[in-house]
N, C-alpha and C. Protein backbone atom coordinates (compact mmCIF):
# COMPACT_ATOMS: atom_id res chain seq x y z
N MET A 1 -43.21 15.97 -79.66
CA MET A 1 -43.31 14.91 -78.85
C MET A 1 -43.87 14.48 -77.54
N LEU A 2 -45.11 14.55 -77.31
CA LEU A 2 -45.22 14.81 -75.26
C LEU A 2 -45.80 13.18 -74.78
N ILE A 3 -44.93 12.67 -74.04
CA ILE A 3 -44.58 11.30 -73.33
C ILE A 3 -45.44 11.21 -71.73
N LYS A 4 -46.45 10.90 -71.29
CA LYS A 4 -46.94 10.71 -70.01
C LYS A 4 -45.47 9.90 -68.92
N ILE A 5 -45.20 10.26 -68.42
CA ILE A 5 -44.70 9.28 -67.41
C ILE A 5 -45.01 9.66 -65.90
N TYR A 6 -45.54 8.49 -65.44
CA TYR A 6 -45.81 8.55 -63.93
C TYR A 6 -44.85 8.44 -62.69
N PRO A 7 -44.96 9.95 -61.87
CA PRO A 7 -43.59 9.65 -60.73
C PRO A 7 -43.11 8.93 -59.86
N GLU A 8 -44.53 7.95 -59.64
CA GLU A 8 -44.67 6.72 -58.52
C GLU A 8 -43.80 6.07 -59.37
N ASN A 9 -44.28 5.73 -60.47
CA ASN A 9 -43.12 4.18 -60.77
C ASN A 9 -42.82 4.41 -62.49
N PRO A 10 -41.70 5.15 -63.15
CA PRO A 10 -41.62 5.70 -64.18
C PRO A 10 -41.42 4.30 -64.98
N ASN A 11 -42.25 3.88 -66.15
CA ASN A 11 -42.09 3.14 -67.29
C ASN A 11 -40.74 3.44 -67.77
N PRO A 12 -40.60 2.22 -67.70
CA PRO A 12 -38.50 2.37 -68.56
C PRO A 12 -38.58 1.98 -69.84
N ASN A 13 -40.01 2.21 -70.66
CA ASN A 13 -39.74 2.10 -71.76
C ASN A 13 -40.18 3.34 -72.06
N ALA A 14 -40.46 4.17 -71.33
CA ALA A 14 -40.90 5.70 -71.49
C ALA A 14 -39.40 6.23 -71.44
N VAL A 15 -38.56 5.85 -70.26
CA VAL A 15 -37.60 6.56 -69.47
C VAL A 15 -36.43 6.14 -71.06
N ALA A 16 -36.43 4.91 -71.58
CA ALA A 16 -35.63 4.63 -72.12
C ALA A 16 -35.52 5.33 -73.90
N GLN A 17 -36.68 5.71 -73.90
CA GLN A 17 -37.10 6.51 -75.18
C GLN A 17 -36.60 8.05 -75.10
N ALA A 18 -36.78 8.53 -73.54
CA ALA A 18 -36.03 10.08 -73.56
C ALA A 18 -34.64 10.16 -73.52
N VAL A 19 -34.17 8.83 -73.14
CA VAL A 19 -32.43 8.51 -72.86
C VAL A 19 -32.37 8.36 -74.37
N ALA A 20 -32.62 7.42 -75.27
CA ALA A 20 -31.96 7.73 -76.79
C ALA A 20 -32.02 8.90 -77.30
N ILE A 21 -33.28 9.68 -77.21
CA ILE A 21 -33.47 11.12 -77.69
C ILE A 21 -32.01 12.08 -77.19
N LEU A 22 -31.49 11.71 -75.63
CA LEU A 22 -30.81 12.73 -75.20
C LEU A 22 -29.48 12.22 -76.23
N LYS A 23 -29.17 10.88 -75.69
CA LYS A 23 -27.66 10.27 -76.74
C LYS A 23 -27.59 10.84 -78.05
N LYS A 24 -28.63 11.02 -78.97
CA LYS A 24 -28.68 11.32 -80.33
C LYS A 24 -28.17 12.94 -79.91
N GLY A 25 -28.40 13.23 -78.97
CA GLY A 25 -28.56 15.05 -79.15
C GLY A 25 -29.12 16.12 -78.77
N GLY A 26 -30.69 15.48 -78.40
CA GLY A 26 -31.40 16.08 -78.53
C GLY A 26 -31.78 16.95 -77.08
N ILE A 27 -32.86 17.47 -77.78
CA ILE A 27 -33.09 18.11 -76.45
C ILE A 27 -34.48 17.72 -75.76
N ILE A 28 -34.73 17.43 -74.06
CA ILE A 28 -35.93 17.17 -73.54
C ILE A 28 -36.67 18.13 -72.39
N ILE A 29 -37.66 18.27 -72.54
CA ILE A 29 -37.95 19.21 -71.18
C ILE A 29 -38.53 17.83 -70.22
N TYR A 30 -38.52 17.92 -69.22
CA TYR A 30 -38.72 16.64 -67.96
C TYR A 30 -39.16 17.95 -66.56
N PRO A 31 -39.75 16.90 -65.79
CA PRO A 31 -39.92 17.09 -64.38
C PRO A 31 -38.88 17.57 -63.26
N THR A 32 -38.76 17.57 -62.49
CA THR A 32 -37.46 18.07 -61.55
C THR A 32 -38.74 17.96 -60.21
N ASP A 33 -38.16 18.47 -58.82
CA ASP A 33 -38.67 18.10 -57.48
C ASP A 33 -39.26 19.61 -57.70
N THR A 34 -38.65 20.67 -58.48
CA THR A 34 -39.57 21.90 -58.44
C THR A 34 -40.06 22.28 -59.87
N VAL A 35 -39.49 23.21 -60.77
CA VAL A 35 -39.83 23.79 -61.42
C VAL A 35 -39.38 22.80 -63.07
N TYR A 36 -40.45 22.70 -64.08
CA TYR A 36 -40.25 21.69 -65.44
C TYR A 36 -38.71 22.53 -65.91
N GLY A 37 -37.33 21.61 -66.66
CA GLY A 37 -35.97 21.93 -66.99
C GLY A 37 -36.35 21.36 -68.46
N LEU A 38 -35.16 22.38 -69.18
CA LEU A 38 -34.79 21.79 -70.03
C LEU A 38 -33.50 21.23 -70.26
N GLY A 39 -33.39 20.06 -70.60
CA GLY A 39 -32.15 18.99 -70.27
C GLY A 39 -31.79 18.29 -71.93
N CYS A 40 -30.00 18.30 -71.27
CA CYS A 40 -29.48 17.50 -72.41
C CYS A 40 -28.37 16.82 -72.19
N ASP A 41 -27.83 16.23 -73.17
CA ASP A 41 -26.32 15.22 -72.48
C ASP A 41 -25.57 16.05 -72.38
N ILE A 42 -24.54 15.75 -71.09
CA ILE A 42 -23.66 16.80 -70.68
C ILE A 42 -22.51 16.73 -71.91
N THR A 43 -22.94 15.38 -72.17
CA THR A 43 -21.61 15.38 -73.05
C THR A 43 -21.37 15.99 -74.54
N ASN A 44 -22.92 16.26 -74.32
CA ASN A 44 -22.90 17.16 -76.32
C ASN A 44 -22.80 18.30 -76.36
N GLN A 45 -22.03 18.54 -77.17
CA GLN A 45 -21.45 19.90 -76.91
C GLN A 45 -22.82 20.75 -77.85
N LYS A 46 -23.26 20.12 -79.08
CA LYS A 46 -24.10 21.21 -80.14
C LYS A 46 -25.31 21.42 -79.28
N ALA A 47 -25.67 20.11 -78.87
CA ALA A 47 -26.71 20.11 -77.63
C ALA A 47 -26.77 21.24 -76.81
N ILE A 48 -25.45 21.49 -75.95
CA ILE A 48 -25.39 22.39 -74.92
C ILE A 48 -25.58 23.77 -75.59
N GLU A 49 -25.20 23.54 -76.77
CA GLU A 49 -25.46 25.08 -77.55
C GLU A 49 -26.95 25.83 -77.93
N ARG A 50 -27.56 24.18 -78.12
CA ARG A 50 -28.93 24.42 -78.61
C ARG A 50 -29.63 25.18 -77.26
N ILE A 51 -29.53 24.25 -75.99
CA ILE A 51 -30.26 24.93 -75.36
C ILE A 51 -30.22 26.49 -74.86
N CYS A 52 -28.91 26.76 -74.74
CA CYS A 52 -28.28 28.08 -74.77
C CYS A 52 -29.23 29.03 -75.41
N ARG A 53 -29.21 28.69 -77.06
CA ARG A 53 -30.21 29.57 -77.74
C ARG A 53 -31.53 29.64 -77.45
N ILE A 54 -31.80 28.66 -77.28
CA ILE A 54 -33.60 28.12 -76.81
C ILE A 54 -33.70 29.36 -75.62
N ARG A 55 -32.64 29.30 -74.43
CA ARG A 55 -33.13 30.72 -73.58
C ARG A 55 -32.06 31.86 -73.85
N GLY A 56 -31.50 31.83 -74.76
CA GLY A 56 -30.95 32.93 -75.42
C GLY A 56 -30.00 33.67 -74.17
N ILE A 57 -28.82 32.49 -73.76
CA ILE A 57 -28.08 32.92 -73.46
C ILE A 57 -26.28 32.39 -74.14
N LYS A 58 -25.28 33.20 -74.06
CA LYS A 58 -24.00 32.96 -74.24
C LYS A 58 -23.81 31.15 -73.32
N PRO A 59 -22.63 30.08 -73.82
CA PRO A 59 -22.83 28.97 -73.35
C PRO A 59 -21.66 29.71 -71.99
N GLU A 60 -20.76 30.23 -72.52
CA GLU A 60 -19.28 30.90 -71.35
C GLU A 60 -20.16 31.74 -70.00
N LYS A 61 -21.62 32.28 -70.75
CA LYS A 61 -21.90 33.10 -69.14
C LYS A 61 -23.28 32.25 -68.54
N ALA A 62 -23.28 30.89 -69.23
CA ALA A 62 -24.88 30.37 -68.29
C ALA A 62 -24.23 29.90 -67.08
N ASN A 63 -25.45 30.08 -66.42
CA ASN A 63 -25.49 29.57 -65.09
C ASN A 63 -26.56 28.47 -65.21
N LEU A 64 -25.76 26.88 -65.89
CA LEU A 64 -26.34 25.65 -65.81
C LEU A 64 -26.20 24.70 -64.85
N SER A 65 -26.95 24.00 -64.68
CA SER A 65 -27.02 23.03 -63.55
C SER A 65 -27.08 21.68 -64.02
N PHE A 66 -25.90 20.79 -63.40
CA PHE A 66 -25.73 19.20 -63.60
C PHE A 66 -26.65 19.15 -62.64
N VAL A 67 -27.51 18.00 -63.19
CA VAL A 67 -29.07 17.23 -62.48
C VAL A 67 -28.05 15.51 -62.65
N CYS A 68 -27.80 15.17 -61.32
CA CYS A 68 -27.28 14.09 -61.00
C CYS A 68 -28.16 13.17 -60.02
N ALA A 69 -28.49 11.92 -60.32
CA ALA A 69 -28.76 10.61 -59.80
C ALA A 69 -28.39 10.17 -58.79
N ASP A 70 -27.49 10.65 -58.12
CA ASP A 70 -26.84 10.65 -56.65
C ASP A 70 -25.57 11.78 -56.55
N LEU A 71 -24.87 11.20 -55.38
CA LEU A 71 -24.08 11.93 -55.18
C LEU A 71 -22.86 11.70 -55.91
N ARG A 72 -22.61 10.27 -56.41
CA ARG A 72 -21.54 9.52 -56.95
C ARG A 72 -21.00 10.49 -57.70
N HIS A 73 -22.13 10.96 -59.29
CA HIS A 73 -21.67 11.83 -60.62
C HIS A 73 -20.41 12.92 -60.13
N ILE A 74 -20.38 13.73 -58.71
CA ILE A 74 -20.47 14.87 -58.68
C ILE A 74 -18.81 14.95 -58.61
N SER A 75 -18.23 13.72 -58.09
CA SER A 75 -16.87 14.21 -58.33
C SER A 75 -16.35 14.45 -59.47
N ASP A 76 -16.68 13.82 -60.69
CA ASP A 76 -16.34 13.89 -61.79
C ASP A 76 -15.61 15.33 -62.66
N PHE A 77 -17.18 16.72 -61.65
CA PHE A 77 -16.56 17.94 -61.66
C PHE A 77 -16.80 18.97 -60.90
N ILE A 78 -16.06 18.51 -59.69
CA ILE A 78 -15.94 19.46 -59.19
C ILE A 78 -14.57 19.01 -58.13
N LYS A 79 -14.21 20.09 -57.79
CA LYS A 79 -12.58 19.95 -56.66
C LYS A 79 -13.06 19.35 -55.68
N PRO A 80 -12.18 18.52 -55.08
CA PRO A 80 -12.20 18.06 -53.52
C PRO A 80 -12.87 18.70 -52.40
N ILE A 81 -14.60 18.49 -51.94
CA ILE A 81 -14.80 19.45 -50.93
C ILE A 81 -14.41 18.95 -49.50
N ASP A 82 -14.85 20.06 -48.34
CA ASP A 82 -14.34 19.52 -47.51
C ASP A 82 -15.80 18.80 -46.65
N THR A 83 -15.32 17.92 -45.25
CA THR A 83 -16.25 16.75 -45.07
C THR A 83 -17.46 17.47 -44.69
N SER A 84 -17.67 18.74 -44.18
CA SER A 84 -18.90 19.59 -43.56
C SER A 84 -19.60 19.70 -44.52
N VAL A 85 -18.71 20.33 -46.01
CA VAL A 85 -19.79 20.41 -47.05
C VAL A 85 -20.74 18.86 -48.00
N PHE A 86 -19.68 18.16 -47.42
CA PHE A 86 -20.33 16.64 -48.09
C PHE A 86 -21.26 16.46 -47.25
N ARG A 87 -20.87 16.76 -45.53
CA ARG A 87 -22.35 16.04 -44.97
C ARG A 87 -23.69 16.61 -45.48
N ILE A 88 -23.63 18.21 -45.85
CA ILE A 88 -24.70 19.07 -46.04
C ILE A 88 -25.16 18.32 -47.41
N LEU A 89 -23.95 17.85 -47.98
CA LEU A 89 -24.96 17.35 -49.47
C LEU A 89 -25.60 16.42 -49.44
N LYS A 90 -25.33 15.41 -48.42
CA LYS A 90 -25.33 14.42 -47.81
C LYS A 90 -27.43 14.33 -47.40
N LYS A 91 -27.09 15.37 -46.69
CA LYS A 91 -28.32 15.52 -45.93
C LYS A 91 -29.53 16.08 -46.77
N ALA A 92 -29.07 16.79 -47.62
CA ALA A 92 -30.28 18.01 -47.99
C ALA A 92 -30.55 17.15 -49.60
N LEU A 93 -29.59 16.41 -50.47
CA LEU A 93 -29.97 15.58 -51.56
C LEU A 93 -30.26 13.81 -51.26
N PRO A 94 -31.40 13.60 -52.26
CA PRO A 94 -32.05 14.28 -53.37
C PRO A 94 -32.92 15.26 -52.61
N GLY A 95 -32.84 16.28 -53.44
CA GLY A 95 -34.23 17.17 -52.60
C GLY A 95 -33.53 19.09 -53.52
N PRO A 96 -34.51 19.71 -53.30
CA PRO A 96 -34.76 20.94 -53.85
C PRO A 96 -33.68 22.31 -53.84
N TYR A 97 -32.63 21.58 -53.63
CA TYR A 97 -31.67 22.38 -53.80
C TYR A 97 -30.53 22.18 -54.75
N THR A 98 -29.58 23.78 -55.47
CA THR A 98 -28.69 23.60 -56.34
C THR A 98 -27.59 24.00 -55.70
N PHE A 99 -26.35 23.32 -55.40
CA PHE A 99 -25.45 23.83 -54.65
C PHE A 99 -24.05 24.29 -55.85
N ILE A 100 -23.74 25.25 -55.17
CA ILE A 100 -22.63 26.04 -56.43
C ILE A 100 -21.47 25.16 -55.75
N LEU A 101 -20.48 24.87 -56.50
CA LEU A 101 -19.01 24.14 -55.86
C LEU A 101 -18.43 24.66 -57.03
N ASN A 102 -16.89 24.51 -56.44
CA ASN A 102 -15.74 24.95 -57.69
C ASN A 102 -16.22 23.47 -58.37
N ALA A 103 -15.28 23.96 -59.53
CA ALA A 103 -15.38 23.18 -60.79
C ALA A 103 -14.24 22.75 -60.96
N ASN A 104 -14.06 21.28 -61.22
CA ASN A 104 -12.69 20.95 -61.70
C ASN A 104 -12.51 20.91 -63.19
N ASN A 105 -11.04 20.72 -63.68
CA ASN A 105 -11.36 21.01 -65.62
C ASN A 105 -12.30 20.47 -66.57
N ALA A 106 -12.79 19.17 -66.06
CA ALA A 106 -13.86 18.70 -66.61
C ALA A 106 -15.04 19.57 -67.24
N VAL A 107 -15.41 20.90 -66.64
CA VAL A 107 -16.24 21.61 -66.97
C VAL A 107 -16.10 22.93 -67.65
N PRO A 108 -15.15 23.43 -67.77
CA PRO A 108 -15.00 24.57 -69.02
C PRO A 108 -14.67 23.62 -69.99
N LYS A 109 -14.18 22.54 -70.38
CA LYS A 109 -14.19 21.66 -71.51
C LYS A 109 -15.55 21.49 -71.85
N LEU A 110 -16.54 21.11 -71.07
CA LEU A 110 -17.98 21.01 -71.85
C LEU A 110 -18.68 22.17 -71.78
N LEU A 111 -18.54 23.22 -71.21
CA LEU A 111 -18.84 24.68 -71.58
C LEU A 111 -18.50 25.39 -72.20
N SER A 112 -17.07 25.00 -72.87
CA SER A 112 -16.42 25.61 -73.94
C SER A 112 -16.24 27.44 -72.88
N SER A 113 -15.71 27.40 -71.75
CA SER A 113 -15.74 29.20 -70.80
C SER A 113 -14.89 28.38 -70.57
N ASN A 114 -14.36 29.71 -69.17
CA ASN A 114 -13.27 29.36 -68.19
C ASN A 114 -14.06 29.47 -66.92
N LYS A 115 -15.33 28.62 -66.61
CA LYS A 115 -15.90 28.98 -66.15
C LYS A 115 -15.44 28.47 -64.34
N LYS A 116 -15.27 28.48 -63.01
CA LYS A 116 -14.59 27.95 -62.44
C LYS A 116 -15.73 27.34 -61.16
N THR A 117 -17.01 27.68 -61.61
CA THR A 117 -18.15 26.58 -60.65
C THR A 117 -18.79 26.16 -61.47
N VAL A 118 -19.79 25.59 -60.72
CA VAL A 118 -20.66 24.57 -61.62
C VAL A 118 -21.76 24.26 -60.29
N GLY A 119 -23.24 24.50 -61.05
CA GLY A 119 -23.90 24.21 -59.89
C GLY A 119 -24.67 22.59 -60.04
N ILE A 120 -24.89 22.29 -58.63
CA ILE A 120 -25.30 20.45 -59.28
C ILE A 120 -26.08 20.20 -58.48
N ARG A 121 -27.60 19.65 -59.02
CA ARG A 121 -29.01 19.09 -58.46
C ARG A 121 -29.06 17.68 -58.54
N VAL A 122 -29.52 17.00 -56.86
CA VAL A 122 -29.94 15.96 -57.33
C VAL A 122 -31.69 15.70 -56.80
N PRO A 123 -32.39 16.08 -58.24
CA PRO A 123 -33.92 16.40 -57.59
C PRO A 123 -34.34 14.97 -56.76
N ASP A 124 -35.67 15.28 -56.44
CA ASP A 124 -36.26 14.55 -55.79
C ASP A 124 -37.40 14.38 -56.75
N ASN A 125 -37.02 13.43 -57.59
CA ASN A 125 -38.39 13.38 -58.55
C ASN A 125 -37.37 11.97 -59.15
N ASN A 126 -38.68 11.20 -58.68
CA ASN A 126 -37.85 9.54 -59.45
C ASN A 126 -37.73 9.83 -61.39
N ILE A 127 -39.02 11.05 -61.67
CA ILE A 127 -38.41 10.52 -63.43
C ILE A 127 -36.94 11.09 -63.68
N ALA A 128 -36.82 12.22 -63.19
CA ALA A 128 -35.55 13.23 -63.37
C ALA A 128 -34.19 12.14 -62.84
N ARG A 129 -34.46 11.35 -62.27
CA ARG A 129 -33.30 10.69 -61.60
C ARG A 129 -33.33 9.14 -62.15
N ALA A 130 -34.34 8.51 -62.78
CA ALA A 130 -34.26 7.44 -63.49
C ALA A 130 -33.79 7.34 -64.91
N ILE A 131 -34.00 9.11 -65.54
CA ILE A 131 -33.62 9.43 -66.98
C ILE A 131 -31.64 9.52 -66.52
N VAL A 132 -31.45 9.72 -65.79
CA VAL A 132 -29.84 10.38 -65.61
C VAL A 132 -29.58 9.03 -65.46
N GLN A 133 -30.06 7.78 -64.48
CA GLN A 133 -29.92 6.86 -64.05
C GLN A 133 -29.17 5.96 -65.43
N GLU A 134 -30.40 6.15 -66.37
CA GLU A 134 -30.12 5.20 -67.25
C GLU A 134 -29.14 6.08 -68.65
N LEU A 135 -29.52 7.47 -68.46
CA LEU A 135 -28.58 7.91 -69.59
C LEU A 135 -26.62 7.35 -69.07
N GLY A 136 -26.48 7.07 -67.71
CA GLY A 136 -25.04 6.97 -67.09
C GLY A 136 -24.20 8.28 -66.73
N ASN A 137 -24.81 9.21 -66.71
CA ASN A 137 -23.89 10.93 -66.89
C ASN A 137 -25.21 12.00 -66.47
N PRO A 138 -24.54 13.05 -66.24
CA PRO A 138 -25.57 13.89 -65.53
C PRO A 138 -26.23 14.58 -66.96
N ILE A 139 -27.71 15.50 -66.77
CA ILE A 139 -27.81 16.03 -67.61
C ILE A 139 -27.85 17.09 -67.41
N LEU A 140 -27.45 18.60 -68.30
CA LEU A 140 -27.15 20.01 -68.55
C LEU A 140 -28.84 20.35 -68.53
N SER A 141 -29.19 21.48 -67.29
CA SER A 141 -30.08 21.78 -67.33
C SER A 141 -30.55 23.42 -66.91
N ALA A 142 -31.66 24.01 -67.28
CA ALA A 142 -31.74 24.94 -67.39
C ALA A 142 -33.26 24.80 -67.15
N SER A 143 -33.96 26.06 -66.05
CA SER A 143 -35.44 26.01 -66.08
C SER A 143 -36.07 26.72 -67.25
N ILE A 144 -37.38 26.04 -67.03
CA ILE A 144 -38.47 26.85 -67.99
C ILE A 144 -38.50 28.08 -67.86
N LYS A 145 -38.48 29.20 -67.82
CA LYS A 145 -38.68 30.45 -67.52
C LYS A 145 -40.17 31.20 -68.64
N ASP A 146 -41.12 31.22 -67.83
CA ASP A 146 -42.38 31.98 -68.70
C ASP A 146 -42.50 33.54 -68.17
N GLU A 147 -42.82 33.97 -70.11
CA GLU A 147 -43.16 35.62 -70.00
C GLU A 147 -43.96 36.10 -69.55
N ASP A 148 -45.07 35.11 -68.94
CA ASP A 148 -46.07 35.64 -68.17
C ASP A 148 -45.53 36.52 -66.91
N GLU A 149 -46.15 37.60 -66.51
CA GLU A 149 -45.71 38.38 -65.29
C GLU A 149 -46.18 38.05 -64.09
N LEU A 150 -47.52 37.03 -64.09
CA LEU A 150 -48.21 36.71 -62.90
C LEU A 150 -47.05 35.45 -62.57
N LEU A 151 -46.79 34.63 -63.42
CA LEU A 151 -46.09 33.31 -63.16
C LEU A 151 -45.19 33.36 -63.62
N GLU A 152 -43.98 32.83 -62.34
CA GLU A 152 -42.06 33.21 -63.68
C GLU A 152 -42.46 31.33 -64.08
N TYR A 153 -42.66 30.48 -63.63
CA TYR A 153 -42.35 29.23 -64.31
C TYR A 153 -43.53 28.41 -64.60
N SER A 154 -43.71 28.06 -65.61
CA SER A 154 -44.51 27.13 -66.61
C SER A 154 -44.78 26.35 -65.62
N THR A 155 -46.12 25.44 -65.50
CA THR A 155 -46.24 24.49 -64.88
C THR A 155 -47.23 23.46 -65.29
N ASP A 156 -47.84 23.66 -66.63
CA ASP A 156 -48.48 22.70 -67.21
C ASP A 156 -47.83 22.08 -68.01
N PRO A 157 -47.43 20.68 -68.49
CA PRO A 157 -47.14 19.90 -69.07
C PRO A 157 -47.30 20.49 -70.65
N GLU A 158 -49.06 20.19 -71.00
CA GLU A 158 -49.64 20.28 -72.25
C GLU A 158 -49.38 22.02 -72.49
N LEU A 159 -49.51 22.74 -71.82
CA LEU A 159 -49.43 24.42 -72.17
C LEU A 159 -47.62 24.02 -72.50
N ILE A 160 -46.79 23.64 -71.81
CA ILE A 160 -45.47 23.54 -72.15
C ILE A 160 -44.82 23.18 -73.48
N HIS A 161 -45.73 21.88 -73.65
CA HIS A 161 -45.57 21.53 -74.79
C HIS A 161 -45.93 22.03 -76.22
N GLU A 162 -47.03 22.97 -76.42
CA GLU A 162 -47.87 23.91 -77.34
C GLU A 162 -46.59 25.20 -77.25
N LYS A 163 -45.69 25.38 -76.45
CA LYS A 163 -44.85 26.14 -76.53
C LYS A 163 -43.20 25.99 -76.95
N TYR A 164 -43.22 24.83 -76.66
CA TYR A 164 -42.00 24.41 -77.04
C TYR A 164 -41.82 23.26 -78.08
N GLU A 165 -43.04 22.93 -78.64
CA GLU A 165 -42.78 21.66 -79.50
C GLU A 165 -41.55 21.61 -80.57
N ASP A 166 -41.55 22.62 -81.26
CA ASP A 166 -40.82 22.92 -82.21
C ASP A 166 -39.24 23.52 -81.97
N LEU A 167 -39.53 23.46 -80.28
CA LEU A 167 -37.86 24.12 -80.24
C LEU A 167 -37.01 22.62 -79.55
N VAL A 168 -37.65 21.63 -79.16
CA VAL A 168 -37.28 20.51 -78.23
C VAL A 168 -37.63 19.17 -79.31
N ASP A 169 -36.82 18.13 -78.39
CA ASP A 169 -37.35 16.75 -79.10
C ASP A 169 -38.32 16.11 -78.95
N LEU A 170 -38.99 16.39 -77.23
CA LEU A 170 -39.42 16.02 -76.42
C LEU A 170 -40.10 16.29 -75.10
N VAL A 171 -41.34 16.37 -74.88
CA VAL A 171 -42.24 16.64 -73.36
C VAL A 171 -42.22 15.68 -72.83
N VAL A 172 -41.99 15.70 -71.41
CA VAL A 172 -41.65 14.61 -70.46
C VAL A 172 -43.34 15.20 -69.62
N ASP A 173 -44.44 14.45 -70.11
CA ASP A 173 -45.27 14.83 -68.99
C ASP A 173 -45.44 13.92 -67.77
N GLY A 174 -44.57 14.51 -66.43
CA GLY A 174 -44.92 14.08 -65.41
C GLY A 174 -45.60 14.76 -64.20
N GLY A 175 -46.85 15.42 -65.30
CA GLY A 175 -47.96 15.72 -63.72
C GLY A 175 -47.68 17.67 -64.07
N TYR A 176 -48.39 18.22 -62.68
CA TYR A 176 -47.94 19.86 -62.88
C TYR A 176 -46.54 19.94 -62.65
N GLY A 177 -46.17 20.70 -62.68
CA GLY A 177 -44.43 21.15 -61.95
C GLY A 177 -44.74 22.45 -60.86
N ASP A 178 -43.87 22.42 -60.19
CA ASP A 178 -44.10 23.07 -59.06
C ASP A 178 -43.68 24.97 -60.11
N ASN A 179 -44.00 25.92 -58.98
CA ASN A 179 -43.57 27.33 -60.31
C ASN A 179 -42.71 27.65 -58.83
N GLU A 180 -42.09 27.11 -58.09
CA GLU A 180 -41.10 27.70 -57.23
C GLU A 180 -39.62 26.93 -57.37
N PRO A 181 -38.65 27.84 -57.69
CA PRO A 181 -37.29 27.12 -58.44
C PRO A 181 -36.45 26.88 -56.79
N SER A 182 -35.34 26.12 -57.11
CA SER A 182 -34.82 25.38 -55.82
C SER A 182 -33.89 26.58 -55.55
N THR A 183 -33.83 26.11 -54.12
CA THR A 183 -32.90 27.08 -53.10
C THR A 183 -31.32 27.31 -53.71
N VAL A 184 -30.84 28.24 -54.18
CA VAL A 184 -29.30 28.13 -54.49
C VAL A 184 -28.44 28.48 -52.89
N VAL A 185 -27.33 27.36 -52.81
CA VAL A 185 -26.89 27.24 -51.67
C VAL A 185 -25.16 27.49 -52.52
N ASP A 186 -24.10 28.80 -52.50
CA ASP A 186 -22.97 28.79 -52.74
C ASP A 186 -21.70 28.42 -51.64
N CYS A 187 -20.99 27.39 -51.84
CA CYS A 187 -20.55 26.67 -50.66
C CYS A 187 -18.95 26.78 -51.62
N THR A 188 -18.68 27.43 -52.27
CA THR A 188 -17.23 27.45 -53.03
C THR A 188 -16.11 28.56 -51.88
N GLN A 189 -16.50 29.17 -51.03
CA GLN A 189 -15.33 29.46 -50.10
C GLN A 189 -15.36 28.61 -49.19
N GLY A 190 -16.10 26.83 -48.77
CA GLY A 190 -16.04 26.62 -47.83
C GLY A 190 -17.22 26.89 -46.63
N GLU A 191 -17.80 28.42 -46.25
CA GLU A 191 -19.27 28.42 -45.93
C GLU A 191 -20.48 28.37 -46.70
N PHE A 192 -21.38 28.39 -46.35
CA PHE A 192 -23.00 28.39 -46.34
C PHE A 192 -23.14 29.71 -47.33
N GLU A 193 -23.27 30.01 -48.38
CA GLU A 193 -23.93 31.60 -48.67
C GLU A 193 -25.30 31.35 -49.54
N ILE A 194 -26.61 31.60 -48.86
CA ILE A 194 -27.46 31.29 -49.73
C ILE A 194 -28.03 32.58 -50.65
N ILE A 195 -27.77 32.26 -52.06
CA ILE A 195 -27.79 33.15 -53.56
C ILE A 195 -29.25 33.69 -53.80
N ARG A 196 -30.06 32.37 -53.61
CA ARG A 196 -31.53 32.28 -53.88
C ARG A 196 -32.36 32.13 -52.88
N GLU A 197 -32.75 32.39 -52.23
CA GLU A 197 -34.45 31.30 -51.41
C GLU A 197 -35.22 30.85 -52.59
N GLY A 198 -35.81 29.67 -52.20
CA GLY A 198 -36.43 28.81 -53.25
C GLY A 198 -37.17 27.96 -52.40
N LYS A 199 -37.71 26.40 -52.70
CA LYS A 199 -38.23 25.56 -52.23
C LYS A 199 -37.62 24.99 -51.05
N GLY A 200 -36.69 25.03 -51.07
CA GLY A 200 -35.80 24.06 -50.14
C GLY A 200 -35.67 25.18 -48.86
N ASP A 201 -35.97 24.58 -47.38
CA ASP A 201 -35.25 25.22 -46.70
C ASP A 201 -34.53 25.19 -45.77
N PHE A 202 -33.11 25.88 -46.38
CA PHE A 202 -31.85 25.18 -46.03
C PHE A 202 -31.52 25.14 -44.74
N ASN A 203 -31.89 26.53 -43.91
CA ASN A 203 -31.23 26.58 -42.47
C ASN A 203 -31.95 25.23 -41.77
N ALA A 204 -32.52 24.60 -42.32
CA ALA A 204 -33.14 23.43 -41.37
C ALA A 204 -32.17 22.28 -41.80
N LEU A 205 -31.23 22.41 -42.59
CA LEU A 205 -30.40 21.24 -42.66
C LEU A 205 -28.79 22.21 -42.02
N LEU A 206 -28.94 22.43 -41.49
CA LEU A 206 -27.58 23.11 -40.43
C LEU A 206 -27.80 22.43 -39.20
């Protein structure tokens, strides 16, 4: 199923439709401020395993992000952070960044692994944030990769739908996506280390 949602003013009925699918353990593909993502309800173990199967990765090895609506959800999944890290998070988010933080005990249970870290995202995209807000907890998310050698990420929602319609329950068409992923910043040591240069200019925040 493919539904159109306009980012300027996400239709509450369409958002509710996406959330109903997530609550039933379904998988959606949805837009962010960078690339399109595969998402499921973070509390649904079977859905998490399904995302890992689609991406061909093991749950215990998966580097999946927790997509939040704002910073309030983050403390449920991470160990306490110092003020300097929190200040940067507040400045950077919503935005095209994934912050790697030390996970608390809630995360290994979700991912059935011994993961000690978690990637946190708050995308600057009204559709993604509206879905998470309505769901009431974060979405577990993985970027959609493309086998095309020229283009690493799929950007056209109709082509994404064609490719994934038998694998997922819903594709949200929020317009063309970007083909540049988020900038990944490791904050686990108290310092900031850029793991992947992406769309966001992290140095501008320091």
